[in-house]
Amino acid sequence: MALVPFPSPQSGALPLPPDEDDDSPAAGKMSFLEHLDELRKRIVNSALAIAAGVVIGFAFINRIVDFILAPTRRALPPGVKMIYTEPGEAFSLYVQIALIMGIVLATPFIMYQLWKFIAPGLYSKEKRLAIPFVLFTTIGFVGGAAFNHYIAFPFMMAFFASFDSPDLSFMPRLEDTFGLYTKMLLGMGLVFQMPTVVFFLAKMKMITARFLLVNFKYAFLIIFVIAAVVTPSGDMMTQTIFAAPMVILYIISIIIAWVVGPKRLKAPKAEAS
């Protein structure tokens, strides 16, 4: 058996085993080609999950279509039906709904794939936030979709239907109605991510509850400006529907930042004169 030479005192300190902690910035380094290969793998996995969701969506497509169009049908005047004016419009609607259903069902898996892509560049403490990241983003999207379907969209359609009169007939076109529904769905899904964003920023000690509370008046103004920009229609009613949950979510975000983050950020030490 070969003997391992013992290092002499002149050779310096004894060799240490490699550190298994991944808190070193170099631990997550990858080459450019490795990043591309990792991105390709995550995109393929997400696409497969969406395809599986589309298949499930087509299996229940009639029930899903009835569920999505229910708020509009309730707002229609008695005896009025929705219309479509192009031969393939109704079929295209079914395909779009199945695709959206596939994305919705695959959202938790897509969020997990996104986290797996960015995780190699994070420290070990940050990697422990994977489960909260997937959970909160999913809850936020589902919450926004539910708010849109049960509150925002029905209220808006009832407002538009209120202009029906003997001289004006409210007969919404199928594609236009679904396009408006989709835009509001995505908009509310993004709006309801606000508590999640604040949660992670507070965890990383980048913002505090005091900062959010002091700047509430500016946030209130910015919220209404954003609502005016992202709303699919330019009326004040739709803008208010978008802005109201954002204000409520901002208040909830203040509470979240107070619970999970520092009460105040440490001021930098003054330089010695």
C-alpha atoms as a PDB file:
ATOM      1  CA  MET A   1       0.000   0.000   0.000  1.00  0.00           C
ATOM      2  CA  ALA A   2       1.448   3.328  -1.048  1.00  0.00           C
ATOM      3  CA  LEU A   3       2.044   5.839   1.678  1.00  0.00           C
ATOM      4  CA  VAL A   4       0.724   9.330   1.375  1.00  0.00           C
ATOM      5  CA  PRO A   5       3.504  11.783   2.151  1.00  0.00           C
ATOM      6  CA  PHE A   6       2.769  14.018   5.136  1.00  0.00           C
ATOM      7  CA  PRO A   7       3.246  17.680   4.250  1.00  0.00           C
ATOM      8  CA  SER A   8       6.279  19.288   5.799  1.00  0.00           C
ATOM      9  CA  PRO A   9       5.954  22.366   8.019  1.00  0.00           C
ATOM     10  CA  GLN A  10       7.471  24.435   5.234  1.00  0.00           C
ATOM     11  CA  SER A  11       4.638  23.548   2.855  1.00  0.00           C
ATOM     12  CA  GLY A  12       2.083  25.558   4.824  1.00  0.00           C
ATOM     13  CA  ALA A  13      -1.229  24.525   6.351  1.00  0.00           C
ATOM     14  CA  LEU A  14      -2.674  21.046   6.051  1.00  0.00           C
ATOM     15  CA  PRO A  15      -4.950  20.490   3.045  1.00  0.00           C
ATOM     16  CA  LEU A  16      -8.640  20.786   3.948  1.00  0.00           C
ATOM     17  CA  PRO A  17     -11.528  18.920   2.360  1.00  0.00           C
ATOM     18  CA  PRO A  18     -13.573  20.942  -0.099  1.00  0.00           C
ATOM     19  CA  ASP A  19     -16.281  23.048   1.446  1.00  0.00           C
ATOM     20  CA  GLU A  20     -19.689  21.566   0.727  1.00  0.00           C
ATOM     21  CA  ASP A  21     -21.530  24.801   1.420  1.00  0.00           C
ATOM     22  CA  ASP A  22     -22.828  26.415  -1.737  1.00  0.00           C
ATOM     23  CA  ASP A  23     -22.813  29.916  -0.286  1.00  0.00           C
ATOM     24  CA  SER A  24     -19.881  30.789  -2.522  1.00  0.00           C
ATOM     25  CA  PRO A  25     -20.795  32.926  -5.532  1.00  0.00           C
ATOM     26  CA  ALA A  26     -18.681  30.655  -7.738  1.00  0.00           C
ATOM     27  CA  ALA A  27     -20.726  27.597  -6.726  1.00  0.00           C
ATOM     28  CA  GLY A  28     -23.558  28.392  -9.131  1.00  0.00           C
ATOM     29  CA  LYS A  29     -21.458  29.501 -12.110  1.00  0.00           C
ATOM     30  CA  MET A  30     -22.362  27.945 -15.441  1.00  0.00           C
ATOM     31  CA  SER A  31     -21.036  28.460 -18.909  1.00  0.00           C
ATOM     32  CA  PHE A  32     -23.112  30.212 -21.566  1.00  0.00           C
ATOM     33  CA  LEU A  33     -23.860  26.948 -23.376  1.00  0.00           C
ATOM     34  CA  GLU A  34     -24.850  25.292 -20.107  1.00  0.00           C
ATOM     35  CA  HIS A  35     -27.275  28.151 -19.460  1.00  0.00           C
ATOM     36  CA  LEU A  36     -28.792  27.690 -22.915  1.00  0.00           C
ATOM     37  CA  ASP A  37     -29.132  23.943 -22.428  1.00  0.00           C
ATOM     38  CA  GLU A  38     -30.753  24.476 -19.016  1.00  0.00           C
ATOM     39  CA  LEU A  39     -33.147  27.046 -20.489  1.00  0.00           C
ATOM     40  CA  ARG A  40     -34.057  24.675 -23.329  1.00  0.00           C
ATOM     41  CA  LYS A  41     -34.786  21.882 -20.856  1.00  0.00           C
ATOM     42  CA  ARG A  42     -37.027  24.103 -18.713  1.00  0.00           C
ATOM     43  CA  ILE A  43     -38.925  25.405 -21.769  1.00  0.00           C
ATOM     44  CA  VAL A  44     -39.487  21.876 -23.068  1.00  0.00           C
ATOM     45  CA  ASN A  45     -40.726  20.680 -19.679  1.00  0.00           C
ATOM     46  CA  SER A  46     -43.099  23.636 -19.435  1.00  0.00           C
ATOM     47  CA  ALA A  47     -44.383  23.065 -22.979  1.00  0.00           C
ATOM     48  CA  LEU A  48     -45.086  19.397 -22.197  1.00  0.00           C
ATOM     49  CA  ALA A  49     -46.983  20.402 -19.064  1.00  0.00           C
ATOM     50  CA  ILE A  50     -49.050  22.910 -21.061  1.00  0.00           C
ATOM     51  CA  ALA A  51     -49.791  20.254 -23.713  1.00  0.00           C
ATOM     52  CA  ALA A  52     -51.050  17.893 -21.015  1.00  0.00           C
ATOM     53  CA  GLY A  53     -53.214  20.691 -19.629  1.00  0.00           C
ATOM     54  CA  VAL A  54     -54.634  21.388 -23.108  1.00  0.00           C
ATOM     55  CA  VAL A  55     -55.671  17.745 -23.443  1.00  0.00           C
ATOM     56  CA  ILE A  56     -57.452  17.936 -20.089  1.00  0.00           C
ATOM     57  CA  GLY A  57     -59.038  21.209 -21.168  1.00  0.00           C
ATOM     58  CA  PHE A  58     -60.460  19.669 -24.344  1.00  0.00           C
ATOM     59  CA  ALA A  59     -61.912  16.807 -22.302  1.00  0.00           C
ATOM     60  CA  PHE A  60     -64.085  19.305 -20.385  1.00  0.00           C
ATOM     61  CA  ILE A  61     -64.298  22.057 -22.999  1.00  0.00           C
ATOM     62  CA  ASN A  62     -68.092  22.462 -23.007  1.00  0.00           C
ATOM     63  CA  ARG A  63     -68.267  22.912 -19.237  1.00  0.00           C
ATOM     64  CA  ILE A  64     -65.337  25.345 -19.301  1.00  0.00           C
ATOM     65  CA  VAL A  65     -66.884  27.455 -22.081  1.00  0.00           C
ATOM     66  CA  ASP A  66     -70.187  27.636 -20.194  1.00  0.00           C
ATOM     67  CA  PHE A  67     -68.304  28.631 -17.039  1.00  0.00           C
ATOM     68  CA  ILE A  68     -66.325  31.408 -18.775  1.00  0.00           C
ATOM     69  CA  LEU A  69     -69.310  32.856 -20.642  1.00  0.00           C
ATOM     70  CA  ALA A  70     -71.658  32.679 -17.647  1.00  0.00           C
ATOM     71  CA  PRO A  71     -70.919  36.260 -16.395  1.00  0.00           C
ATOM     72  CA  THR A  72     -71.664  37.693 -19.844  1.00  0.00           C
ATOM     73  CA  ARG A  73     -74.850  35.652 -20.293  1.00  0.00           C
ATOM     74  CA  ARG A  74     -76.164  36.850 -16.941  1.00  0.00           C
ATOM     75  CA  ALA A  75     -75.632  40.464 -18.040  1.00  0.00           C
ATOM     76  CA  LEU A  76     -77.496  40.065 -21.330  1.00  0.00           C
ATOM     77  CA  PRO A  77     -81.010  41.492 -21.632  1.00  0.00           C
ATOM     78  CA  PRO A  78     -83.830  38.909 -21.728  1.00  0.00           C
ATOM     79  CA  GLY A  79     -83.990  37.031 -25.012  1.00  0.00           C
ATOM     80  CA  VAL A  80     -80.578  38.247 -26.234  1.00  0.00           C
ATOM     81  CA  LYS A  81     -77.779  35.826 -27.141  1.00  0.00           C
ATOM     82  CA  MET A  82     -74.121  36.281 -27.907  1.00  0.00           C
ATOM     83  CA  ILE A  83     -73.240  36.255 -31.599  1.00  0.00           C
ATOM     84  CA  TYR A  84     -70.324  35.329 -33.830  1.00  0.00           C
ATOM     85  CA  THR A  85     -69.932  36.724 -37.339  1.00  0.00           C
ATOM     86  CA  GLU A  86     -67.152  34.583 -38.835  1.00  0.00           C
ATOM     87  CA  PRO A  87     -67.346  30.860 -39.702  1.00  0.00           C
ATOM     88  CA  GLY A  88     -64.367  29.775 -37.611  1.00  0.00           C
ATOM     89  CA  GLU A  89     -64.880  32.189 -34.719  1.00  0.00           C
ATOM     90  CA  ALA A  90     -66.607  29.747 -32.369  1.00  0.00           C
ATOM     91  CA  PHE A  91     -64.115  26.959 -33.095  1.00  0.00           C
ATOM     92  CA  SER A  92     -61.215  29.364 -32.541  1.00  0.00           C
ATOM     93  CA  LEU A  93     -62.730  30.272 -29.173  1.00  0.00           C
ATOM     94  CA  TYR A  94     -62.757  26.625 -28.107  1.00  0.00           C
ATOM     95  CA  VAL A  95     -59.099  26.231 -29.095  1.00  0.00           C
ATOM     96  CA  GLN A  96     -58.060  29.383 -27.232  1.00  0.00           C
ATOM     97  CA  ILE A  97     -59.947  28.347 -24.110  1.00  0.00           C
ATOM     98  CA  ALA A  98     -58.302  24.910 -24.152  1.00  0.00           C
ATOM     99  CA  LEU A  99     -54.878  26.556 -24.493  1.00  0.00           C
ATOM    100  CA  ILE A 100     -55.549  28.956 -21.628  1.00  0.00           C
ATOM    101  CA  MET A 101     -56.809  26.073 -19.524  1.00  0.00           C
ATOM    102  CA  GLY A 102     -53.585  24.219 -20.241  1.00  0.00           C
ATOM    103  CA  ILE A 103     -51.511  27.211 -19.120  1.00  0.00           C
ATOM    104  CA  VAL A 104     -53.587  27.629 -15.953  1.00  0.00           C
ATOM    105  CA  LEU A 105     -53.254  23.950 -15.017  1.00  0.00           C
ATOM    106  CA  ALA A 106     -49.529  24.016 -15.748  1.00  0.00           C
ATOM    107  CA  THR A 107     -48.850  27.266 -13.861  1.00  0.00           C
ATOM    108  CA  PRO A 108     -47.476  25.616 -10.659  1.00  0.00           C
ATOM    109  CA  PHE A 109     -45.153  23.419 -12.719  1.00  0.00           C
ATOM    110  CA  ILE A 110     -44.069  26.373 -14.893  1.00  0.00           C
ATOM    111  CA  MET A 111     -43.261  28.418 -11.783  1.00  0.00           C
ATOM    112  CA  TYR A 112     -41.228  25.505 -10.464  1.00  0.00           C
ATOM    113  CA  GLN A 113     -39.308  25.252 -13.748  1.00  0.00           C
ATOM    114  CA  LEU A 114     -38.597  28.976 -13.609  1.00  0.00           C
ATOM    115  CA  TRP A 115     -37.259  28.577 -10.089  1.00  0.00           C
ATOM    116  CA  LYS A 116     -35.073  25.623 -11.113  1.00  0.00           C
ATOM    117  CA  PHE A 117     -33.578  27.789 -13.860  1.00  0.00           C
ATOM    118  CA  ILE A 118     -32.612  30.671 -11.580  1.00  0.00           C
ATOM    119  CA  ALA A 119     -31.755  28.534  -8.515  1.00  0.00           C
ATOM    120  CA  PRO A 120     -28.119  27.685  -9.536  1.00  0.00           C
ATOM    121  CA  GLY A 121     -27.212  31.371  -9.239  1.00  0.00           C
ATOM    122  CA  LEU A 122     -28.643  31.704  -5.737  1.00  0.00           C
ATOM    123  CA  TYR A 123     -27.253  31.048  -2.275  1.00  0.00           C
ATOM    124  CA  SER A 124     -28.490  28.110  -0.207  1.00  0.00           C
ATOM    125  CA  LYS A 125     -30.666  30.332   2.009  1.00  0.00           C
ATOM    126  CA  GLU A 126     -32.323  31.817  -1.054  1.00  0.00           C
ATOM    127  CA  LYS A 127     -32.968  28.364  -2.516  1.00  0.00           C
ATOM    128  CA  ARG A 128     -35.148  27.531   0.481  1.00  0.00           C
ATOM    129  CA  LEU A 129     -37.646  30.048  -0.848  1.00  0.00           C
ATOM    130  CA  ALA A 130     -38.554  27.718  -3.755  1.00  0.00           C
ATOM    131  CA  ILE A 131     -41.713  26.370  -2.148  1.00  0.00           C
ATOM    132  CA  PRO A 132     -43.019  29.808  -1.062  1.00  0.00           C
ATOM    133  CA  PHE A 133     -42.227  31.145  -4.553  1.00  0.00           C
ATOM    134  CA  VAL A 134     -44.264  28.466  -6.342  1.00  0.00           C
ATOM    135  CA  LEU A 135     -47.047  28.517  -3.750  1.00  0.00           C
ATOM    136  CA  PHE A 136     -47.520  32.283  -3.540  1.00  0.00           C
ATOM    137  CA  THR A 137     -47.299  32.949  -7.281  1.00  0.00           C
ATOM    138  CA  THR A 138     -49.873  30.218  -7.911  1.00  0.00           C
ATOM    139  CA  ILE A 139     -52.202  31.506  -5.199  1.00  0.00           C
ATOM    140  CA  GLY A 140     -51.812  35.047  -6.544  1.00  0.00           C
ATOM    141  CA  PHE A 141     -52.694  34.031 -10.103  1.00  0.00           C
ATOM    142  CA  VAL A 142     -55.656  31.905  -9.030  1.00  0.00           C
ATOM    143  CA  GLY A 143     -56.855  34.693  -6.728  1.00  0.00           C
ATOM    144  CA  GLY A 144     -56.653  37.228  -9.549  1.00  0.00           C
ATOM    145  CA  ALA A 145     -58.500  34.909 -11.936  1.00  0.00           C
ATOM    146  CA  ALA A 146     -61.245  34.285  -9.350  1.00  0.00           C
ATOM    147  CA  PHE A 147     -61.616  38.003  -8.633  1.00  0.00           C
ATOM    148  CA  ASN A 148     -61.898  38.707 -12.350  1.00  0.00           C
ATOM    149  CA  HIS A 149     -64.488  35.985 -12.986  1.00  0.00           C
ATOM    150  CA  TYR A 150     -66.762  36.516  -9.993  1.00  0.00           C
ATOM    151  CA  ILE A 151     -66.451  40.273  -9.342  1.00  0.00           C
ATOM    152  CA  ALA A 152     -64.609  42.441 -11.863  1.00  0.00           C
ATOM    153  CA  PHE A 153     -65.785  41.037 -15.203  1.00  0.00           C
ATOM    154  CA  PRO A 154     -69.480  40.531 -14.255  1.00  0.00           C
ATOM    155  CA  PHE A 155     -69.626  44.043 -12.797  1.00  0.00           C
ATOM    156  CA  MET A 156     -68.086  45.509 -15.942  1.00  0.00           C
ATOM    157  CA  MET A 157     -70.399  43.581 -18.291  1.00  0.00           C
ATOM    158  CA  ALA A 158     -73.425  44.663 -16.254  1.00  0.00           C
ATOM    159  CA  PHE A 159     -72.240  48.247 -16.615  1.00  0.00           C
ATOM    160  CA  PHE A 160     -71.928  47.908 -20.389  1.00  0.00           C
ATOM    161  CA  ALA A 161     -75.324  46.166 -20.620  1.00  0.00           C
ATOM    162  CA  SER A 162     -76.979  49.038 -18.733  1.00  0.00           C
ATOM    163  CA  PHE A 163     -76.884  51.086 -21.943  1.00  0.00           C
ATOM    164  CA  ASP A 164     -79.321  48.692 -23.626  1.00  0.00           C
ATOM    165  CA  SER A 165     -82.457  50.543 -24.679  1.00  0.00           C
ATOM    166  CA  PRO A 166     -85.257  50.333 -27.268  1.00  0.00           C
ATOM    167  CA  ASP A 167     -82.936  52.125 -29.669  1.00  0.00           C
ATOM    168  CA  LEU A 168     -79.721  50.241 -28.740  1.00  0.00           C
ATOM    169  CA  SER A 169     -79.406  46.463 -28.474  1.00  0.00           C
ATOM    170  CA  PHE A 170     -76.573  44.954 -26.442  1.00  0.00           C
ATOM    171  CA  MET A 171     -75.481  41.916 -28.498  1.00  0.00           C
ATOM    172  CA  PRO A 172     -71.810  41.266 -27.624  1.00  0.00           C
ATOM    173  CA  ARG A 173     -69.676  39.497 -30.190  1.00  0.00           C
ATOM    174  CA  LEU A 174     -68.137  36.237 -29.012  1.00  0.00           C
ATOM    175  CA  GLU A 175     -64.516  36.964 -29.926  1.00  0.00           C
ATOM    176  CA  ASP A 176     -64.561  40.525 -28.564  1.00  0.00           C
ATOM    177  CA  THR A 177     -66.084  39.426 -25.267  1.00  0.00           C
ATOM    178  CA  PHE A 178     -63.603  36.611 -24.776  1.00  0.00           C
ATOM    179  CA  GLY A 179     -60.696  38.889 -25.726  1.00  0.00           C
ATOM    180  CA  LEU A 180     -61.761  41.355 -23.054  1.00  0.00           C
ATOM    181  CA  TYR A 181     -62.163  38.526 -20.538  1.00  0.00           C
ATOM    182  CA  THR A 182     -58.666  37.208 -21.314  1.00  0.00           C
ATOM    183  CA  LYS A 183     -57.011  40.617 -20.998  1.00  0.00           C
ATOM    184  CA  MET A 184     -58.685  41.234 -17.660  1.00  0.00           C
ATOM    185  CA  LEU A 185     -57.775  37.729 -16.487  1.00  0.00           C
ATOM    186  CA  LEU A 186     -54.081  38.246 -17.231  1.00  0.00           C
ATOM    187  CA  GLY A 187     -54.154  41.756 -15.796  1.00  0.00           C
ATOM    188  CA  MET A 188     -55.703  40.620 -12.519  1.00  0.00           C
ATOM    189  CA  GLY A 189     -53.331  37.659 -12.362  1.00  0.00           C
ATOM    190  CA  LEU A 190     -50.382  40.055 -12.506  1.00  0.00           C
ATOM    191  CA  VAL A 191     -51.951  42.532 -10.076  1.00  0.00           C
ATOM    192  CA  PHE A 192     -52.456  39.805  -7.479  1.00  0.00           C
ATOM    193  CA  GLN A 193     -48.715  39.050  -7.525  1.00  0.00           C
ATOM    194  CA  MET A 194     -48.068  42.237  -5.544  1.00  0.00           C
ATOM    195  CA  PRO A 195     -48.054  40.529  -2.090  1.00  0.00           C
ATOM    196  CA  THR A 196     -45.674  37.881  -3.419  1.00  0.00           C
ATOM    197  CA  VAL A 197     -43.238  40.491  -4.738  1.00  0.00           C
ATOM    198  CA  VAL A 198     -43.369  42.394  -1.453  1.00  0.00           C
ATOM    199  CA  PHE A 199     -42.872  39.167   0.506  1.00  0.00           C
ATOM    200  CA  PHE A 200     -39.590  38.362  -1.244  1.00  0.00           C
ATOM    201  CA  LEU A 201     -38.361  41.958  -1.202  1.00  0.00           C
ATOM    202  CA  ALA A 202     -39.047  42.135   2.539  1.00  0.00           C
ATOM    203  CA  LYS A 203     -37.313  38.795   3.062  1.00  0.00           C
ATOM    204  CA  MET A 204     -34.245  40.174   1.288  1.00  0.00           C
ATOM    205  CA  LYS A 205     -34.473  43.327   3.455  1.00  0.00           C
ATOM    206  CA  MET A 206     -34.903  45.578   0.433  1.00  0.00           C
ATOM    207  CA  ILE A 207     -38.129  47.225   1.645  1.00  0.00           C
ATOM    208  CA  THR A 208     -39.927  47.636   4.963  1.00  0.00           C
ATOM    209  CA  ALA A 209     -43.511  48.117   6.087  1.00  0.00           C
ATOM    210  CA  ARG A 210     -42.632  51.639   7.212  1.00  0.00           C
ATOM    211  CA  PHE A 211     -41.339  52.499   3.734  1.00  0.00           C
ATOM    212  CA  LEU A 212     -44.545  51.241   2.108  1.00  0.00           C
ATOM    213  CA  LEU A 213     -46.733  53.074   4.611  1.00  0.00           C
ATOM    214  CA  VAL A 214     -44.901  56.403   4.276  1.00  0.00           C
ATOM    215  CA  ASN A 215     -45.152  56.255   0.480  1.00  0.00           C
ATOM    216  CA  PHE A 216     -48.806  55.163   0.400  1.00  0.00           C
ATOM    217  CA  LYS A 217     -50.023  58.437  -1.161  1.00  0.00           C
ATOM    218  CA  TYR A 218     -47.527  58.112  -4.006  1.00  0.00           C
ATOM    219  CA  ALA A 219     -48.418  54.451  -4.474  1.00  0.00           C
ATOM    220  CA  PHE A 220     -52.107  55.399  -4.608  1.00  0.00           C
ATOM    221  CA  LEU A 221     -51.427  57.801  -7.467  1.00  0.00           C
ATOM    222  CA  ILE A 222     -49.204  55.306  -9.308  1.00  0.00           C
ATOM    223  CA  ILE A 223     -51.863  52.589  -8.951  1.00  0.00           C
ATOM    224  CA  PHE A 224     -54.474  54.699 -10.724  1.00  0.00           C
ATOM    225  CA  VAL A 225     -51.979  55.637 -13.439  1.00  0.00           C
ATOM    226  CA  ILE A 226     -51.173  51.938 -13.996  1.00  0.00           C
ATOM    227  CA  ALA A 227     -54.882  51.101 -14.023  1.00  0.00           C
ATOM    228  CA  ALA A 228     -55.463  53.740 -16.694  1.00  0.00           C
ATOM    229  CA  VAL A 229     -52.681  52.257 -18.837  1.00  0.00           C
ATOM    230  CA  VAL A 230     -53.420  48.531 -18.523  1.00  0.00           C
ATOM    231  CA  THR A 231     -57.228  48.568 -18.645  1.00  0.00           C
ATOM    232  CA  PRO A 232     -58.551  47.132 -21.929  1.00  0.00           C
ATOM    233  CA  SER A 233     -61.091  49.955 -22.204  1.00  0.00           C
ATOM    234  CA  GLY A 234     -60.733  53.633 -21.360  1.00  0.00           C
ATOM    235  CA  ASP A 235     -63.801  54.163 -19.160  1.00  0.00           C
ATOM    236  CA  MET A 236     -63.431  55.188 -15.522  1.00  0.00           C
ATOM    237  CA  MET A 237     -65.516  52.247 -14.310  1.00  0.00           C
ATOM    238  CA  THR A 238     -63.056  49.678 -15.668  1.00  0.00           C
ATOM    239  CA  GLN A 239     -60.095  51.669 -14.342  1.00  0.00           C
ATOM    240  CA  THR A 240     -61.651  51.729 -10.878  1.00  0.00           C
ATOM    241  CA  ILE A 241     -62.262  47.972 -11.050  1.00  0.00           C
ATOM    242  CA  PHE A 242     -58.554  47.486 -11.716  1.00  0.00           C
ATOM    243  CA  ALA A 243     -57.363  50.059  -9.188  1.00  0.00           C
ATOM    244  CA  ALA A 244     -59.517  49.007  -6.204  1.00  0.00           C
ATOM    245  CA  PRO A 245     -57.935  45.546  -5.700  1.00  0.00           C
ATOM    246  CA  MET A 246     -54.475  47.050  -6.214  1.00  0.00           C
ATOM    247  CA  VAL A 247     -55.051  49.450  -3.328  1.00  0.00           C
ATOM    248  CA  ILE A 248     -56.322  46.614  -1.115  1.00  0.00           C
ATOM    249  CA  LEU A 249     -53.386  44.415  -2.097  1.00  0.00           C
ATOM    250  CA  TYR A 250     -50.986  47.260  -1.309  1.00  0.00           C
ATOM    251  CA  ILE A 251     -52.418  47.451   2.212  1.00  0.00           C
ATOM    252  CA  ILE A 252     -52.089  43.668   2.550  1.00  0.00           C
ATOM    253  CA  SER A 253     -48.498  43.984   1.309  1.00  0.00           C
ATOM    254  CA  ILE A 254     -47.750  46.461   4.104  1.00  0.00           C
ATOM    255  CA  ILE A 255     -48.937  43.878   6.631  1.00  0.00           C
ATOM    256  CA  ILE A 256     -46.853  41.159   4.954  1.00  0.00           C
ATOM    257  CA  ALA A 257     -43.744  43.349   4.987  1.00  0.00           C
ATOM    258  CA  TRP A 258     -44.329  44.104   8.685  1.00  0.00           C
ATOM    259  CA  VAL A 259     -44.628  40.394   9.542  1.00  0.00           C
ATOM    260  CA  VAL A 260     -41.754  38.911   7.513  1.00  0.00           C
ATOM    261  CA  GLY A 261     -39.328  41.816   7.134  1.00  0.00           C
ATOM    262  CA  PRO A 262     -37.388  44.185   9.345  1.00  0.00           C
ATOM    263  CA  LYS A 263     -39.363  47.033  10.854  1.00  0.00           C
ATOM    264  CA  ARG A 264     -36.844  49.492   9.448  1.00  0.00           C
ATOM    265  CA  LEU A 265     -33.691  49.353   7.361  1.00  0.00           C
ATOM    266  CA  LYS A 266     -30.445  50.142   9.108  1.00  0.00           C
ATOM    267  CA  ALA A 267     -29.082  53.525   8.133  1.00  0.00           C
ATOM    268  CA  PRO A 268     -25.531  53.470   6.777  1.00  0.00           C
ATOM    269  CA  LYS A 269     -22.911  54.451   9.326  1.00  0.00           C
ATOM    270  CA  ALA A 270     -21.573  57.968   8.930  1.00  0.00           C
ATOM    271  CA  GLU A 271     -18.031  58.167   7.751  1.00  0.00           C
ATOM    272  CA  ALA A 272     -15.551  59.192  10.402  1.00  0.00           C
ATOM    273  CA  SER A 273     -14.506  62.784   9.950  1.00  0.00           C
END
